[in-house]
């Protein structure tokens, strides 16, 4: 299994943040299906203020470079992504990616 951590901001608007969270309580089935079809086993998103942190667990053969395939293969999943972008904004990142990849800074298992 592979693990990916990424960060992104929501626009600083309480109403938009509430709508974003409500959408995520009722994610479209096609979105979940699209993620599973490309090897995403589990995706979790945490929020503090307007900052989002996403942890994605994937199959060993998952290739983050091909993540867009999930939307390309499923028009409804693509529609979901476009809808979510209305609530989101990038954070400064050297890669320029929408969701900024995070590097692992600490793991307690390093000391076992």
C-alpha atoms as a PDB file:
ATOM      1  CA  UNK A   1       0.000   0.000   0.000  1.00  0.00           C
ATOM      2  CA  UNK A   2       1.160   3.561  -0.782  1.00  0.00           C
ATOM      3  CA  UNK A   3       0.284   6.695   1.183  1.00  0.00           C
ATOM      4  CA  UNK A   4       0.049  10.252  -0.131  1.00  0.00           C
ATOM      5  CA  UNK A   5      -0.413  13.446   1.890  1.00  0.00           C
ATOM      6  CA  UNK A   6      -1.525  16.662   0.237  1.00  0.00           C
ATOM      7  CA  UNK A   7      -2.677  20.136   1.292  1.00  0.00           C
ATOM      8  CA  UNK A   8      -5.005  22.732  -0.171  1.00  0.00           C
ATOM      9  CA  UNK A   9      -6.958  25.737   1.080  1.00  0.00           C
ATOM     10  CA  UNK A  10     -10.635  26.475   0.940  1.00  0.00           C
ATOM     11  CA  UNK A  11     -11.682  30.016   0.124  1.00  0.00           C
ATOM     12  CA  UNK A  12     -12.080  31.973   3.348  1.00  0.00           C
ATOM     13  CA  UNK A  13     -15.875  32.120   3.389  1.00  0.00           C
ATOM     14  CA  UNK A  14     -17.849  30.399   6.154  1.00  0.00           C
ATOM     15  CA  UNK A  15     -20.830  29.686   3.891  1.00  0.00           C
ATOM     16  CA  UNK A  16     -18.639  28.143   1.182  1.00  0.00           C
ATOM     17  CA  UNK A  17     -16.798  26.039   3.763  1.00  0.00           C
ATOM     18  CA  UNK A  18     -20.113  24.776   5.159  1.00  0.00           C
ATOM     19  CA  UNK A  19     -21.291  23.868   1.637  1.00  0.00           C
ATOM     20  CA  UNK A  20     -17.992  22.094   0.926  1.00  0.00           C
ATOM     21  CA  UNK A  21     -18.327  19.998   4.069  1.00  0.00           C
ATOM     22  CA  UNK A  22     -21.965  19.229   3.283  1.00  0.00           C
ATOM     23  CA  UNK A  23     -21.019  17.990  -0.184  1.00  0.00           C
ATOM     24  CA  UNK A  24     -18.454  15.693   1.426  1.00  0.00           C
ATOM     25  CA  UNK A  25     -21.097  14.208   3.703  1.00  0.00           C
ATOM     26  CA  UNK A  26     -22.975  13.237   0.534  1.00  0.00           C
ATOM     27  CA  UNK A  27     -20.273  12.384  -2.003  1.00  0.00           C
ATOM     28  CA  UNK A  28     -21.656  11.234  -5.334  1.00  0.00           C
ATOM     29  CA  UNK A  29     -21.346   7.446  -5.771  1.00  0.00           C
ATOM     30  CA  UNK A  30     -19.660   7.909  -9.157  1.00  0.00           C
ATOM     31  CA  UNK A  31     -16.882   9.874  -7.476  1.00  0.00           C
ATOM     32  CA  UNK A  32     -16.143   7.081  -5.009  1.00  0.00           C
ATOM     33  CA  UNK A  33     -16.369   4.507  -7.806  1.00  0.00           C
ATOM     34  CA  UNK A  34     -13.929   6.503  -9.937  1.00  0.00           C
ATOM     35  CA  UNK A  35     -11.408   6.679  -7.104  1.00  0.00           C
ATOM     36  CA  UNK A  36     -11.640   2.964  -6.413  1.00  0.00           C
ATOM     37  CA  UNK A  37     -11.262   2.160 -10.116  1.00  0.00           C
ATOM     38  CA  UNK A  38      -7.826   3.796 -10.218  1.00  0.00           C
ATOM     39  CA  UNK A  39      -6.573   2.210  -6.988  1.00  0.00           C
ATOM     40  CA  UNK A  40      -7.513   4.666  -4.228  1.00  0.00           C
ATOM     41  CA  UNK A  41      -8.339   2.415  -1.275  1.00  0.00           C
ATOM     42  CA  UNK A  42      -9.096   5.145   1.231  1.00  0.00           C
ATOM     43  CA  UNK A  43      -9.159   8.937   1.150  1.00  0.00           C
ATOM     44  CA  UNK A  44      -9.573  11.147   4.200  1.00  0.00           C
ATOM     45  CA  UNK A  45      -9.629  14.932   4.402  1.00  0.00           C
ATOM     46  CA  UNK A  46      -9.156  16.968   7.580  1.00  0.00           C
ATOM     47  CA  UNK A  47      -9.798  20.698   7.953  1.00  0.00           C
ATOM     48  CA  UNK A  48      -8.529  23.406  10.288  1.00  0.00           C
ATOM     49  CA  UNK A  49      -9.950  26.831   9.489  1.00  0.00           C
ATOM     50  CA  UNK A  50      -9.677  26.933   5.692  1.00  0.00           C
ATOM     51  CA  UNK A  51      -6.668  24.552   5.365  1.00  0.00           C
ATOM     52  CA  UNK A  52      -7.333  21.017   4.115  1.00  0.00           C
ATOM     53  CA  UNK A  53      -5.073  18.020   4.638  1.00  0.00           C
ATOM     54  CA  UNK A  54      -5.783  14.914   2.554  1.00  0.00           C
ATOM     55  CA  UNK A  55      -4.396  11.465   3.289  1.00  0.00           C
ATOM     56  CA  UNK A  56      -4.792   8.972   0.475  1.00  0.00           C
ATOM     57  CA  UNK A  57      -4.036   5.261   0.785  1.00  0.00           C
ATOM     58  CA  UNK A  58      -3.672   3.456  -2.519  1.00  0.00           C
ATOM     59  CA  UNK A  59      -2.827   0.114  -4.048  1.00  0.00           C
ATOM     60  CA  UNK A  60       0.858  -0.589  -4.678  1.00  0.00           C
ATOM     61  CA  UNK A  61       0.411  -0.167  -8.430  1.00  0.00           C
ATOM     62  CA  UNK A  62      -1.232   3.271  -8.091  1.00  0.00           C
ATOM     63  CA  UNK A  63       0.565   6.027 -10.003  1.00  0.00           C
ATOM     64  CA  UNK A  64      -0.117   9.551  -8.732  1.00  0.00           C
ATOM     65  CA  UNK A  65       0.946  10.865 -12.145  1.00  0.00           C
ATOM     66  CA  UNK A  66      -2.174   9.242 -13.591  1.00  0.00           C
ATOM     67  CA  UNK A  67      -4.578  10.539 -10.939  1.00  0.00           C
ATOM     68  CA  UNK A  68      -6.441  12.645 -13.501  1.00  0.00           C
ATOM     69  CA  UNK A  69      -7.501   9.401 -15.202  1.00  0.00           C
ATOM     70  CA  UNK A  70     -10.153   8.941 -12.529  1.00  0.00           C
ATOM     71  CA  UNK A  71     -11.921  12.055 -13.770  1.00  0.00           C
ATOM     72  CA  UNK A  72     -11.189  11.400 -17.429  1.00  0.00           C
ATOM     73  CA  UNK A  73     -12.744   7.927 -17.212  1.00  0.00           C
ATOM     74  CA  UNK A  74     -15.833   9.105 -15.370  1.00  0.00           C
ATOM     75  CA  UNK A  75     -17.645  12.294 -16.481  1.00  0.00           C
ATOM     76  CA  UNK A  76     -19.559  12.508 -13.192  1.00  0.00           C
ATOM     77  CA  UNK A  77     -16.282  12.353 -11.229  1.00  0.00           C
ATOM     78  CA  UNK A  78     -14.931  15.130 -13.441  1.00  0.00           C
ATOM     79  CA  UNK A  79     -18.058  17.160 -12.703  1.00  0.00           C
ATOM     80  CA  UNK A  80     -17.405  16.628  -8.971  1.00  0.00           C
ATOM     81  CA  UNK A  81     -13.821  17.886  -9.314  1.00  0.00           C
ATOM     82  CA  UNK A  82     -14.923  20.985 -11.188  1.00  0.00           C
ATOM     83  CA  UNK A  83     -17.600  21.695  -8.581  1.00  0.00           C
ATOM     84  CA  UNK A  84     -15.111  21.335  -5.709  1.00  0.00           C
ATOM     85  CA  UNK A  85     -12.688  23.757  -7.378  1.00  0.00           C
ATOM     86  CA  UNK A  86     -15.269  26.506  -6.772  1.00  0.00           C
ATOM     87  CA  UNK A  87     -14.582  26.146  -3.041  1.00  0.00           C
ATOM     88  CA  UNK A  88     -10.810  25.659  -3.193  1.00  0.00           C
ATOM     89  CA  UNK A  89      -7.652  27.665  -3.760  1.00  0.00           C
ATOM     90  CA  UNK A  90      -4.066  26.560  -4.178  1.00  0.00           C
ATOM     91  CA  UNK A  91      -1.419  27.075  -1.551  1.00  0.00           C
ATOM     92  CA  UNK A  92       2.095  28.149  -2.557  1.00  0.00           C
ATOM     93  CA  UNK A  93       3.910  25.092  -3.843  1.00  0.00           C
ATOM     94  CA  UNK A  94       7.091  24.533  -5.827  1.00  0.00           C
ATOM     95  CA  UNK A  95       5.242  21.986  -7.978  1.00  0.00           C
ATOM     96  CA  UNK A  96       2.327  24.270  -8.859  1.00  0.00           C
ATOM     97  CA  UNK A  97      -0.114  21.392  -8.401  1.00  0.00           C
ATOM     98  CA  UNK A  98      -3.688  22.041  -7.257  1.00  0.00           C
ATOM     99  CA  UNK A  99      -3.343  19.759  -4.218  1.00  0.00           C
ATOM    100  CA  UNK A 100       0.209  20.374  -2.967  1.00  0.00           C
ATOM    101  CA  UNK A 101       2.121  17.185  -2.180  1.00  0.00           C
ATOM    102  CA  UNK A 102       3.566  17.005   1.326  1.00  0.00           C
ATOM    103  CA  UNK A 103       6.754  15.265   2.362  1.00  0.00           C
ATOM    104  CA  UNK A 104       6.946  13.058   5.423  1.00  0.00           C
ATOM    105  CA  UNK A 105       8.720  14.958   8.200  1.00  0.00           C
ATOM    106  CA  UNK A 106       8.370  12.404  11.009  1.00  0.00           C
ATOM    107  CA  UNK A 107       7.324   8.794  11.530  1.00  0.00           C
ATOM    108  CA  UNK A 108       7.574   7.191  14.980  1.00  0.00           C
ATOM    109  CA  UNK A 109       8.259   3.851  13.265  1.00  0.00           C
ATOM    110  CA  UNK A 110      11.641   5.197  12.195  1.00  0.00           C
ATOM    111  CA  UNK A 111      12.702   4.548  15.797  1.00  0.00           C
ATOM    112  CA  UNK A 112      11.530   0.949  16.210  1.00  0.00           C
END
